[in-house]
N, C-alpha and C. Protein backbone atom coordinates (compact mmCIF):
# COMPACT_ATOMS: atom_id res chain seq x y z
N MET A 1 -7.11 9.61 1.97
CA MET A 1 -5.81 9.95 2.20
C MET A 1 -4.85 8.98 1.86
N ILE A 2 -4.05 9.36 1.05
CA ILE A 2 -2.95 8.13 0.47
C ILE A 2 -1.72 8.59 1.40
N GLY A 3 -1.08 7.28 2.18
CA GLY A 3 0.14 7.26 3.14
C GLY A 3 1.26 7.28 2.47
N ARG A 4 2.34 8.17 2.81
CA ARG A 4 3.60 8.11 1.94
C ARG A 4 4.37 7.18 2.67
N PRO A 5 5.40 6.53 2.03
CA PRO A 5 6.45 5.25 2.50
C PRO A 5 7.56 6.02 3.42
N VAL A 6 7.06 6.24 4.64
CA VAL A 6 8.16 6.66 5.45
C VAL A 6 8.75 5.50 6.21
N MET A 7 10.05 5.34 6.29
CA MET A 7 10.82 4.31 6.59
C MET A 7 11.16 4.31 8.22
N GLY A 8 10.74 5.14 8.98
CA GLY A 8 11.34 5.40 10.28
C GLY A 8 12.48 5.36 10.67
N ARG A 9 13.20 6.61 10.00
CA ARG A 9 14.64 6.48 10.09
C ARG A 9 15.12 6.83 11.62
N ARG A 10 14.05 7.59 12.39
CA ARG A 10 14.90 8.03 13.56
C ARG A 10 14.99 6.72 14.78
N LEU A 11 14.18 5.86 14.70
CA LEU A 11 14.73 4.57 15.38
C LEU A 11 14.87 3.40 14.60
N ALA A 12 14.68 3.24 13.41
CA ALA A 12 14.98 2.38 12.51
C ALA A 12 16.62 2.44 12.15
N LEU A 13 17.11 3.55 11.47
CA LEU A 13 18.12 3.59 10.94
C LEU A 13 19.43 3.97 12.08
N GLY A 14 18.75 4.46 12.93
CA GLY A 14 19.45 5.14 14.03
C GLY A 14 19.70 3.87 15.21
N ALA A 15 19.50 2.63 15.31
CA ALA A 15 19.65 1.76 16.25
C ALA A 15 20.90 1.48 16.34
N PRO A 16 21.30 1.40 17.78
CA PRO A 16 22.61 1.31 17.94
C PRO A 16 23.37 -0.14 17.65
N LEU A 17 24.71 0.01 17.12
CA LEU A 17 25.33 -1.21 17.00
C LEU A 17 25.88 -1.51 18.45
N LEU A 18 25.42 -2.82 18.97
CA LEU A 18 25.72 -3.03 20.21
C LEU A 18 27.02 -4.09 20.19
N LEU A 19 28.20 -3.54 21.13
CA LEU A 19 29.58 -4.31 21.14
C LEU A 19 29.90 -4.89 22.55
N LEU A 20 30.16 -6.13 22.27
CA LEU A 20 30.74 -6.75 23.40
C LEU A 20 32.12 -6.95 23.33
N ALA A 21 32.79 -7.52 24.63
CA ALA A 21 34.15 -7.71 24.47
C ALA A 21 34.55 -8.95 23.63
N CYS A 22 35.45 -8.78 22.87
CA CYS A 22 35.86 -9.64 21.86
C CYS A 22 36.42 -11.02 22.43
N GLY A 23 36.54 -10.88 23.92
CA GLY A 23 36.54 -12.23 24.44
C GLY A 23 35.59 -13.35 24.46
N GLY A 24 34.26 -12.63 24.24
CA GLY A 24 33.13 -13.52 24.10
C GLY A 24 32.63 -13.56 25.49
N ARG A 25 32.30 -12.36 26.36
CA ARG A 25 31.65 -12.82 27.44
C ARG A 25 30.29 -13.01 27.23
N ASP A 26 29.86 -13.76 28.29
CA ASP A 26 28.25 -14.13 28.29
C ASP A 26 27.53 -12.84 28.15
N LEU A 27 26.24 -13.08 27.24
CA LEU A 27 25.21 -12.06 27.33
C LEU A 27 24.53 -11.84 28.41
N PRO A 28 24.19 -10.48 28.83
CA PRO A 28 23.51 -10.37 29.78
C PRO A 28 22.09 -11.21 29.74
N PRO A 29 21.37 -11.69 30.91
CA PRO A 29 19.80 -12.38 30.84
C PRO A 29 19.23 -11.45 30.16
N LEU A 30 18.22 -11.80 29.02
CA LEU A 30 17.13 -10.87 28.61
C LEU A 30 16.03 -10.96 29.74
N PRO A 31 15.16 -9.90 29.93
CA PRO A 31 14.09 -9.55 30.60
C PRO A 31 12.95 -10.43 30.04
N PRO A 32 12.35 -11.00 30.91
CA PRO A 32 10.99 -11.86 30.54
C PRO A 32 10.09 -10.83 29.60
N ARG A 33 9.55 -11.34 28.80
CA ARG A 33 8.80 -10.82 27.76
C ARG A 33 7.29 -11.40 27.45
N PRO A 34 6.09 -10.75 27.42
CA PRO A 34 4.97 -11.25 27.21
C PRO A 34 5.20 -12.17 25.73
N ALA A 35 4.30 -13.20 25.59
CA ALA A 35 4.11 -14.06 24.40
C ALA A 35 2.99 -13.30 23.53
N GLY A 36 3.46 -12.63 22.46
CA GLY A 36 2.91 -11.87 21.40
C GLY A 36 2.84 -10.39 22.22
N TYR A 37 1.85 -9.64 21.20
CA TYR A 37 2.16 -8.15 21.29
C TYR A 37 0.54 -7.60 21.52
N ALA A 38 -0.06 -8.43 22.14
CA ALA A 38 -1.61 -7.91 22.06
C ALA A 38 -2.03 -7.00 23.40
N TRP A 39 -0.85 -6.99 24.28
CA TRP A 39 -1.04 -6.38 25.64
C TRP A 39 -0.46 -4.92 25.28
N LEU A 40 -0.09 -4.55 24.11
CA LEU A 40 0.24 -3.27 23.62
C LEU A 40 -0.94 -2.49 22.98
N THR A 41 -1.05 -1.17 22.76
CA THR A 41 -2.02 -0.39 22.24
C THR A 41 -2.64 -0.99 21.11
N PRO A 42 -3.69 -1.41 21.22
CA PRO A 42 -4.25 -1.83 19.86
C PRO A 42 -4.43 -0.96 18.82
N LEU A 43 -4.54 -1.11 17.54
CA LEU A 43 -4.58 -0.01 16.32
C LEU A 43 -5.87 -0.44 15.63
N ARG A 44 -7.04 -0.13 15.91
CA ARG A 44 -8.05 -0.09 15.43
C ARG A 44 -8.56 0.43 14.17
N LEU A 45 -8.63 -0.43 13.07
CA LEU A 45 -8.39 0.05 11.72
C LEU A 45 -9.98 -0.03 11.28
N ASN A 46 -10.47 0.95 10.52
CA ASN A 46 -11.90 1.30 10.21
C ASN A 46 -11.72 0.16 8.46
N VAL A 47 -11.73 -1.14 8.84
CA VAL A 47 -11.88 -2.11 7.75
C VAL A 47 -12.53 -3.08 8.14
N ALA A 48 -13.05 -4.06 7.58
CA ALA A 48 -13.98 -5.29 7.86
C ALA A 48 -13.00 -6.40 8.42
N ASP A 49 -12.00 -6.54 7.54
CA ASP A 49 -11.23 -7.79 8.07
C ASP A 49 -9.62 -7.40 7.61
N LEU A 50 -8.73 -8.16 8.12
CA LEU A 50 -7.08 -7.85 7.79
C LEU A 50 -6.77 -9.18 7.29
N GLU A 51 -5.82 -9.12 6.41
CA GLU A 51 -4.97 -10.10 5.72
C GLU A 51 -3.72 -9.94 6.07
N VAL A 52 -2.96 -10.84 6.44
CA VAL A 52 -1.78 -11.03 7.03
C VAL A 52 -0.58 -11.87 5.90
N ILE A 53 0.16 -11.27 5.16
CA ILE A 53 1.13 -11.83 4.33
C ILE A 53 2.33 -11.85 5.10
N ASP A 54 3.00 -13.14 4.96
CA ASP A 54 4.07 -13.27 6.04
C ASP A 54 5.19 -14.08 5.58
N THR A 55 5.30 -13.96 3.79
CA THR A 55 6.58 -14.34 3.26
C THR A 55 7.20 -13.29 2.45
N PRO A 56 8.32 -12.70 3.27
CA PRO A 56 8.86 -11.29 2.74
C PRO A 56 9.72 -11.83 1.46
N VAL A 57 10.02 -10.71 0.62
CA VAL A 57 10.89 -10.73 -0.33
C VAL A 57 12.35 -11.06 0.12
N GLU A 58 12.66 -10.10 1.01
CA GLU A 58 13.86 -10.16 1.84
C GLU A 58 13.55 -11.31 2.94
N GLY A 59 14.04 -12.27 3.12
CA GLY A 59 13.58 -13.35 4.41
C GLY A 59 14.93 -14.32 4.68
N ARG A 60 16.04 -13.95 4.18
CA ARG A 60 17.15 -14.90 4.51
C ARG A 60 17.39 -15.09 6.07
N VAL A 61 17.62 -16.22 6.84
CA VAL A 61 17.66 -16.43 8.00
C VAL A 61 18.98 -17.24 8.11
N ASP A 62 19.99 -16.83 8.69
CA ASP A 62 21.12 -17.66 9.32
C ASP A 62 21.08 -18.15 10.53
N PRO A 63 20.90 -19.59 10.60
CA PRO A 63 20.75 -20.12 11.82
C PRO A 63 21.87 -20.10 12.82
N PRO A 64 21.86 -20.27 14.24
CA PRO A 64 20.59 -20.42 15.02
C PRO A 64 19.60 -19.07 15.02
N ALA A 65 18.65 -19.51 14.80
CA ALA A 65 17.51 -18.37 15.01
C ALA A 65 16.29 -18.59 15.96
N PRO A 66 16.62 -18.33 17.53
CA PRO A 66 15.57 -19.02 18.33
C PRO A 66 14.36 -18.02 18.06
N ILE A 67 13.97 -16.88 17.62
CA ILE A 67 12.85 -16.20 17.20
C ILE A 67 13.19 -15.78 15.69
N LEU A 68 12.10 -16.42 14.94
CA LEU A 68 12.00 -16.50 13.58
C LEU A 68 11.44 -14.90 13.37
N PRO A 69 12.30 -14.43 12.63
CA PRO A 69 12.12 -12.97 12.05
C PRO A 69 10.39 -12.70 11.28
N ALA A 70 10.36 -13.58 10.17
CA ALA A 70 9.12 -13.14 9.66
C ALA A 70 8.02 -13.61 10.53
N ALA A 71 7.91 -14.74 11.05
CA ALA A 71 6.66 -15.00 11.99
C ALA A 71 6.70 -14.23 12.88
N GLU A 72 7.51 -13.43 13.89
CA GLU A 72 7.20 -12.65 14.74
C GLU A 72 6.95 -11.27 14.19
N VAL A 73 7.33 -10.87 13.21
CA VAL A 73 6.51 -9.63 12.56
C VAL A 73 5.31 -9.75 12.08
N ALA A 74 4.89 -11.11 11.62
CA ALA A 74 3.64 -11.12 11.51
C ALA A 74 2.61 -11.17 12.45
N ARG A 75 3.14 -11.76 13.35
CA ARG A 75 2.45 -12.01 15.02
C ARG A 75 2.13 -10.51 15.38
N MET A 76 3.14 -9.76 15.07
CA MET A 76 2.90 -8.36 15.63
C MET A 76 1.75 -7.61 14.95
N GLY A 77 1.69 -7.78 13.62
CA GLY A 77 0.67 -7.40 12.92
C GLY A 77 -0.60 -7.94 13.18
N ARG A 78 -0.83 -9.10 13.50
CA ARG A 78 -2.24 -9.95 13.78
C ARG A 78 -2.60 -9.51 15.20
N ASP A 79 -1.78 -9.10 16.10
CA ASP A 79 -2.10 -8.79 17.53
C ASP A 79 -2.12 -7.18 17.80
N ARG A 80 -1.64 -6.51 17.07
CA ARG A 80 -1.83 -5.11 17.10
C ARG A 80 -2.67 -4.55 16.21
N VAL A 81 -3.11 -4.83 14.90
CA VAL A 81 -3.89 -4.14 13.94
C VAL A 81 -5.52 -5.07 14.10
N ILE A 82 -6.30 -4.38 14.45
CA ILE A 82 -7.78 -4.73 14.86
C ILE A 82 -8.72 -4.31 13.47
N PRO A 83 -9.08 -5.23 12.93
CA PRO A 83 -10.20 -4.75 12.07
C PRO A 83 -11.67 -4.19 12.83
N SER A 84 -11.98 -2.95 12.67
CA SER A 84 -12.99 -2.61 13.65
C SER A 84 -14.18 -1.94 12.45
N GLY A 85 -14.13 -1.90 11.40
CA GLY A 85 -15.02 -1.31 10.68
C GLY A 85 -16.10 -2.53 9.82
N THR A 86 -16.92 -1.93 8.99
CA THR A 86 -17.89 -2.76 8.16
C THR A 86 -17.36 -3.11 6.81
N THR A 87 -16.60 -2.35 6.25
CA THR A 87 -16.39 -2.34 4.81
C THR A 87 -14.76 -2.31 4.59
N GLY A 88 -14.57 -2.34 3.35
CA GLY A 88 -13.14 -2.71 3.08
C GLY A 88 -12.17 -3.67 3.67
N GLN A 89 -10.77 -3.72 3.42
CA GLN A 89 -9.68 -4.43 3.75
C GLN A 89 -8.52 -3.93 4.15
N GLY A 90 -7.92 -4.66 5.32
CA GLY A 90 -6.50 -4.04 5.74
C GLY A 90 -5.66 -5.26 5.11
N ARG A 91 -4.45 -4.93 4.92
CA ARG A 91 -3.41 -5.89 4.56
C ARG A 91 -2.34 -5.62 5.14
N PHE A 92 -1.72 -6.52 6.19
CA PHE A 92 -0.13 -6.27 6.67
C PHE A 92 0.78 -6.99 5.99
N VAL A 93 1.93 -6.59 5.42
CA VAL A 93 2.65 -7.30 4.42
C VAL A 93 4.08 -7.14 5.09
N VAL A 94 4.56 -8.35 5.46
CA VAL A 94 6.19 -8.17 6.11
C VAL A 94 6.78 -8.13 4.82
N GLU A 95 7.53 -6.89 4.79
CA GLU A 95 8.21 -6.88 3.49
C GLU A 95 9.70 -7.40 3.61
N ALA A 96 10.20 -7.47 4.81
CA ALA A 96 11.59 -7.82 5.08
C ALA A 96 11.76 -8.06 6.30
N ALA A 97 12.66 -9.63 6.60
CA ALA A 97 12.67 -10.11 8.15
C ALA A 97 14.00 -10.94 7.70
N THR A 98 14.93 -10.54 8.12
CA THR A 98 16.15 -11.15 7.69
C THR A 98 17.24 -11.11 9.24
N LEU A 99 18.09 -12.04 9.26
CA LEU A 99 19.00 -12.33 10.38
C LEU A 99 19.90 -12.69 9.81
N LEU A 100 21.16 -11.91 9.66
CA LEU A 100 22.52 -12.60 8.94
C LEU A 100 23.39 -12.31 9.67
N ARG A 101 24.29 -13.15 9.56
CA ARG A 101 25.55 -13.60 10.32
C ARG A 101 26.95 -13.22 9.27
N SER A 102 27.84 -12.64 9.98
CA SER A 102 29.16 -12.30 9.24
C SER A 102 30.05 -12.32 10.31
N GLY A 103 31.11 -13.61 10.33
CA GLY A 103 32.06 -13.52 11.57
C GLY A 103 31.46 -13.82 12.87
N ASP A 104 31.76 -12.78 13.72
CA ASP A 104 31.21 -12.59 14.78
C ASP A 104 30.09 -11.48 15.28
N SER A 105 29.36 -11.14 13.98
CA SER A 105 28.47 -10.36 13.91
C SER A 105 27.26 -10.77 13.17
N VAL A 106 26.05 -10.34 14.20
CA VAL A 106 24.80 -10.75 13.58
C VAL A 106 23.79 -9.37 13.48
N SER A 107 23.09 -9.60 12.35
CA SER A 107 22.53 -8.05 12.38
C SER A 107 20.92 -8.50 11.93
N VAL A 108 19.94 -7.73 12.11
CA VAL A 108 18.47 -7.98 11.96
C VAL A 108 17.89 -6.73 10.98
N LEU A 109 17.18 -6.92 9.86
CA LEU A 109 16.40 -6.01 9.27
C LEU A 109 14.87 -6.74 9.21
N LEU A 110 14.16 -5.61 9.79
CA LEU A 110 12.78 -5.79 9.75
C LEU A 110 11.88 -4.72 9.02
N ARG A 111 11.11 -4.90 8.22
CA ARG A 111 10.19 -3.96 7.57
C ARG A 111 8.79 -4.77 7.28
N ALA A 112 7.82 -3.63 7.55
CA ALA A 112 6.28 -4.10 7.37
C ALA A 112 5.61 -2.92 6.95
N ARG A 113 4.51 -3.27 6.17
CA ARG A 113 3.60 -2.21 5.52
C ARG A 113 2.34 -2.31 5.95
N LEU A 114 1.40 -1.61 6.32
CA LEU A 114 -0.01 -1.60 6.40
C LEU A 114 -0.64 -0.96 5.44
N GLU A 115 -1.22 -1.80 4.60
CA GLU A 115 -2.26 -1.03 3.63
C GLU A 115 -3.79 -1.19 3.93
N VAL A 116 -4.83 0.03 3.36
CA VAL A 116 -6.12 0.03 3.37
C VAL A 116 -6.57 -0.19 1.77
N MET A 117 -7.47 -1.07 1.67
CA MET A 117 -7.87 -1.39 0.39
C MET A 117 -9.42 -1.08 0.40
N ASP A 118 -10.05 -0.38 -0.73
CA ASP A 118 -11.34 0.04 -0.93
C ASP A 118 -12.27 -1.30 -1.29
N GLY A 119 -13.28 -1.08 -1.37
CA GLY A 119 -14.37 -2.62 -1.81
C GLY A 119 -13.76 -3.00 -2.86
N SER A 120 -13.27 -2.39 -3.96
CA SER A 120 -12.67 -2.71 -5.24
C SER A 120 -11.30 -3.67 -5.38
N GLY A 121 -10.91 -3.47 -4.00
CA GLY A 121 -9.49 -3.93 -3.95
C GLY A 121 -8.24 -3.14 -4.21
N ARG A 122 -8.84 -1.84 -4.66
CA ARG A 122 -7.74 -0.62 -4.66
C ARG A 122 -7.13 -0.19 -3.56
N ARG A 123 -5.83 -0.07 -3.37
CA ARG A 123 -5.27 0.58 -2.35
C ARG A 123 -5.36 2.14 -2.30
N VAL A 124 -5.69 2.44 -1.03
CA VAL A 124 -6.06 3.90 -0.86
C VAL A 124 -5.13 4.44 0.06
N ALA A 125 -4.73 3.77 0.96
CA ALA A 125 -3.60 4.44 1.85
C ALA A 125 -2.66 3.33 2.43
N PHE A 126 -1.26 3.66 2.85
CA PHE A 126 -0.84 2.87 3.62
C PHE A 126 0.31 3.55 4.40
N ALA A 127 1.16 2.66 5.62
CA ALA A 127 2.11 3.09 6.50
C ALA A 127 3.08 1.94 6.34
N GLN A 128 4.14 2.49 6.45
CA GLN A 128 5.59 1.50 6.45
C GLN A 128 6.56 1.93 7.34
N ALA A 129 7.07 0.93 7.98
CA ALA A 129 8.04 0.82 9.27
C ALA A 129 9.18 -0.05 9.21
N GLU A 130 10.29 0.50 9.77
CA GLU A 130 11.61 -0.44 9.53
C GLU A 130 12.45 -0.24 10.74
N ALA A 131 12.94 -1.33 10.92
CA ALA A 131 13.92 -1.57 12.30
C ALA A 131 15.29 -2.22 11.76
N ARG A 132 16.16 -1.76 12.33
CA ARG A 132 17.78 -2.48 12.05
C ARG A 132 18.46 -2.64 13.78
N ARG A 133 19.15 -3.87 13.72
CA ARG A 133 19.83 -3.95 14.70
C ARG A 133 21.30 -4.67 14.44
N SER A 134 22.06 -4.55 15.31
CA SER A 134 23.32 -5.25 14.89
C SER A 134 24.03 -5.61 16.38
N LEU A 135 24.93 -6.97 16.64
CA LEU A 135 25.46 -7.18 17.81
C LEU A 135 26.90 -8.14 17.21
N SER A 136 27.84 -7.55 17.87
CA SER A 136 29.31 -8.56 17.59
C SER A 136 30.07 -8.74 18.95
N GLY A 137 31.02 -9.68 18.62
CA GLY A 137 31.77 -9.78 19.92
C GLY A 137 30.92 -10.72 20.88
N PHE A 138 30.24 -11.67 20.80
CA PHE A 138 29.31 -12.68 21.70
C PHE A 138 30.00 -13.97 21.86
N GLY A 139 31.33 -14.13 20.93
CA GLY A 139 31.65 -15.79 21.38
C GLY A 139 30.93 -16.62 20.17
N SER A 140 31.67 -17.80 19.92
CA SER A 140 31.47 -18.42 18.80
C SER A 140 30.68 -19.87 18.95
N SER A 141 30.31 -20.17 20.45
CA SER A 141 29.39 -21.14 20.48
C SER A 141 28.21 -21.37 19.97
N ALA A 142 27.65 -22.10 20.06
CA ALA A 142 26.20 -22.45 19.53
C ALA A 142 25.41 -21.71 20.42
N ALA A 143 25.65 -21.61 21.94
CA ALA A 143 24.42 -21.15 22.92
C ALA A 143 24.71 -19.53 22.83
N ALA A 144 25.96 -19.07 22.53
CA ALA A 144 26.18 -17.62 22.43
C ALA A 144 25.58 -17.05 21.28
N ARG A 145 25.98 -17.83 20.28
CA ARG A 145 25.14 -17.39 18.59
C ARG A 145 23.91 -17.11 19.14
N ALA A 146 23.17 -18.52 19.51
CA ALA A 146 21.78 -18.44 19.67
C ALA A 146 21.02 -17.34 20.51
N ARG A 147 21.84 -16.89 21.55
CA ARG A 147 21.44 -15.64 22.40
C ARG A 147 21.64 -14.70 21.95
N ALA A 148 23.02 -14.37 21.13
CA ALA A 148 23.14 -13.09 20.37
C ALA A 148 21.87 -12.85 19.33
N ALA A 149 21.14 -13.78 18.56
CA ALA A 149 20.25 -13.82 17.86
C ALA A 149 18.97 -13.15 18.64
N GLU A 150 18.64 -13.97 19.64
CA GLU A 150 17.45 -13.50 20.38
C GLU A 150 17.68 -12.20 20.79
N THR A 151 18.86 -11.81 21.60
CA THR A 151 18.84 -10.02 22.03
C THR A 151 18.72 -9.39 20.91
N VAL A 152 19.14 -9.52 19.80
CA VAL A 152 19.06 -8.73 18.61
C VAL A 152 17.57 -8.48 18.15
N MET A 153 16.85 -9.73 18.11
CA MET A 153 15.55 -9.89 17.60
C MET A 153 14.57 -9.01 18.70
N VAL A 154 14.81 -9.24 19.83
CA VAL A 154 13.97 -8.70 20.69
C VAL A 154 14.12 -7.09 21.08
N GLY A 155 15.31 -6.64 20.53
CA GLY A 155 15.60 -5.19 20.44
C GLY A 155 14.85 -4.61 19.25
N ALA A 156 15.28 -5.28 18.02
CA ALA A 156 14.45 -4.91 16.60
C ALA A 156 13.18 -5.03 16.86
N MET A 157 12.39 -5.98 17.61
CA MET A 157 10.92 -5.69 17.28
C MET A 157 10.31 -4.78 18.41
N GLU A 158 11.02 -4.38 19.76
CA GLU A 158 10.64 -3.31 20.15
C GLU A 158 10.59 -2.10 19.51
N ASP A 159 11.98 -1.95 18.58
CA ASP A 159 11.94 -0.66 17.65
C ASP A 159 10.87 -0.79 16.83
N LEU A 160 10.66 -1.81 16.30
CA LEU A 160 9.40 -1.90 15.08
C LEU A 160 8.11 -1.70 15.65
N ASN A 161 7.78 -2.23 16.75
CA ASN A 161 6.72 -1.66 17.41
C ASN A 161 6.17 -0.28 17.48
N VAL A 162 7.45 0.28 18.10
CA VAL A 162 7.22 1.79 18.53
C VAL A 162 7.21 2.68 17.01
N GLU A 163 8.03 2.14 16.07
CA GLU A 163 7.98 3.05 14.75
C GLU A 163 6.96 2.60 14.11
N PHE A 164 6.38 1.63 14.08
CA PHE A 164 5.10 0.89 13.29
C PHE A 164 3.80 1.99 13.92
N GLU A 165 3.76 1.93 15.36
CA GLU A 165 2.54 2.73 15.62
C GLU A 165 2.54 4.31 15.41
N LEU A 166 3.93 4.69 15.36
CA LEU A 166 4.24 6.13 14.92
C LEU A 166 3.63 6.41 13.48
N GLN A 167 4.01 5.33 12.44
CA GLN A 167 3.59 5.64 11.06
C GLN A 167 2.23 5.46 10.89
N VAL A 168 1.74 4.45 11.56
CA VAL A 168 0.37 4.24 11.35
C VAL A 168 -0.44 5.37 11.74
N ARG A 169 -0.22 6.02 12.72
CA ARG A 169 -1.07 7.20 13.36
C ARG A 169 -0.75 8.35 12.71
N ARG A 170 0.38 8.31 12.07
CA ARG A 170 0.79 9.64 11.14
C ARG A 170 0.07 9.44 9.63
N ASN A 171 0.34 8.10 9.08
CA ASN A 171 -0.22 7.78 7.62
C ASN A 171 -1.58 7.50 7.40
N LEU A 172 -2.09 6.58 8.73
CA LEU A 172 -3.44 6.22 8.59
C LEU A 172 -4.54 6.97 9.46
N ARG A 173 -4.06 7.92 9.66
CA ARG A 173 -4.75 8.36 11.08
C ARG A 173 -6.38 8.61 10.46
N ASP A 174 -6.84 8.87 9.56
CA ASP A 174 -7.90 9.04 8.84
C ASP A 174 -8.74 7.66 9.05
N TRP A 175 -7.99 6.42 9.12
CA TRP A 175 -8.55 5.09 8.92
C TRP A 175 -8.79 4.77 10.31
N LEU A 176 -8.11 5.52 11.32
CA LEU A 176 -8.23 4.59 12.81
C LEU A 176 -9.45 5.09 13.54
N LEU A 177 -10.05 3.98 14.14
CA LEU A 177 -10.93 4.18 15.35
C LEU A 177 -10.58 4.28 16.59
N GLU A 178 -10.53 5.30 17.42
CA GLU A 178 -10.10 5.57 18.88
C GLU A 178 -11.01 5.04 19.53
N THR A 179 -12.16 4.53 19.22
CA THR A 179 -13.22 4.18 20.42
C THR A 179 -13.91 3.01 19.76
N THR A 180 -14.35 2.18 20.75
CA THR A 180 -15.01 1.01 20.55
C THR A 180 -16.46 1.37 20.45
N PRO A 181 -17.09 1.01 18.99
CA PRO A 181 -18.63 1.40 18.91
C PRO A 181 -19.47 0.68 19.89
N ALA A 182 -20.53 1.30 20.22
CA ALA A 182 -21.28 0.46 21.38
C ALA A 182 -22.05 -0.33 20.73
N ALA A 183 -22.52 -1.54 21.45
CA ALA A 183 -23.16 -2.35 21.05
C ALA A 183 -24.56 -2.19 20.80
N PRO A 184 -25.47 -2.53 20.00
CA PRO A 184 -26.71 -2.29 19.84
C PRO A 184 -27.75 -2.88 20.96
N VAL A 185 -28.61 -2.07 21.71
CA VAL A 185 -29.46 -2.37 22.77
C VAL A 185 -30.73 -2.19 22.56
N ALA A 186 -31.54 -3.05 23.13
CA ALA A 186 -32.94 -2.56 23.11
C ALA A 186 -33.47 -1.07 23.69
N PRO A 187 -34.29 -0.47 23.37
CA PRO A 187 -34.88 1.02 24.05
C PRO A 187 -34.98 0.72 25.33
N VAL A 188 -35.31 2.02 26.30
CA VAL A 188 -35.39 1.76 27.74
C VAL A 188 -36.98 1.06 27.77
N ASP A 189 -37.78 1.39 26.73
CA ASP A 189 -39.18 1.25 26.88
C ASP A 189 -39.58 -0.12 26.19
N SER A 190 -38.64 -1.00 25.91
CA SER A 190 -38.71 -2.15 25.18
C SER A 190 -39.30 -3.19 26.27
N PRO A 191 -39.81 -4.30 25.78
CA PRO A 191 -40.08 -5.28 27.02
C PRO A 191 -39.00 -6.02 27.76
N GLU A 192 -37.92 -5.87 27.12
CA GLU A 192 -36.48 -6.46 27.86
C GLU A 192 -35.97 -5.28 28.84
N GLY A 193 -36.62 -3.90 28.63
CA GLY A 193 -36.26 -2.86 29.59
C GLY A 193 -34.73 -2.77 29.84
N ILE A 194 -33.82 -2.88 29.04
CA ILE A 194 -32.43 -2.65 28.76
C ILE A 194 -31.86 -1.20 28.54
N GLU A 195 -31.56 -0.56 29.34
CA GLU A 195 -30.89 0.89 28.93
C GLU A 195 -29.56 0.86 28.09
N ARG A 196 -29.25 1.54 27.28
CA ARG A 196 -28.07 1.96 26.54
C ARG A 196 -27.00 2.50 27.35
N GLN A 197 -25.80 1.80 27.13
CA GLN A 197 -24.85 2.15 27.88
C GLN A 197 -23.49 2.31 26.72
N ASP A 198 -22.63 3.46 26.86
CA ASP A 198 -21.74 3.45 25.81
C ASP A 198 -20.67 2.52 26.40
N LEU A 199 -19.93 1.89 25.44
CA LEU A 199 -18.87 1.09 26.15
C LEU A 199 -17.38 2.07 26.53
N PRO A 200 -16.71 1.78 27.30
CA PRO A 200 -15.58 2.30 27.65
C PRO A 200 -14.63 2.46 26.43
N ARG A 201 -13.84 3.64 26.34
CA ARG A 201 -12.85 3.86 25.41
C ARG A 201 -11.77 2.97 25.25
N GLY A 202 -11.28 2.83 24.14
CA GLY A 202 -10.24 1.71 24.02
C GLY A 202 -8.97 2.19 24.62
């Protein structure tokens, strides 16, 4: 099955433009977030290994940037896509990871693609997801600018995680493994006397 490049318009292009008072009020505190994305639902791909390419063609980042966009998207790919097969290769590509400033506005664009390659290195399927977020009116101090960048990045990564899983399940459903294969064990009548037990579902 060959996936189609769906850009995640429902979440990505429809992400809200967040506006604060022009007086530069303090941004609300960010909720605590876990380091990484391994706590989210793993996407077990029927490939032997996964390559992560974290140098996007669109990668401009205007400082300050407490969360580096390309590194964060790459971490999402490493944490969530689990190679669980015996042949073939997966490739997670950070296509765009930008954080741009213009006056009192900051905007983020994130885009990632997950590809499935066969044994000869030919791409046989892929899925793509995108997220955008913007924020303005946060003030001009260095602390306010850094906080605004962090706020936008956290929101954009939440959108990208949701959209990425949706697109992977839609376009790569034939390559997803929903259960963890049972580990090989000795038969009941073997000298070890170990009974075979199925592992719990993922």
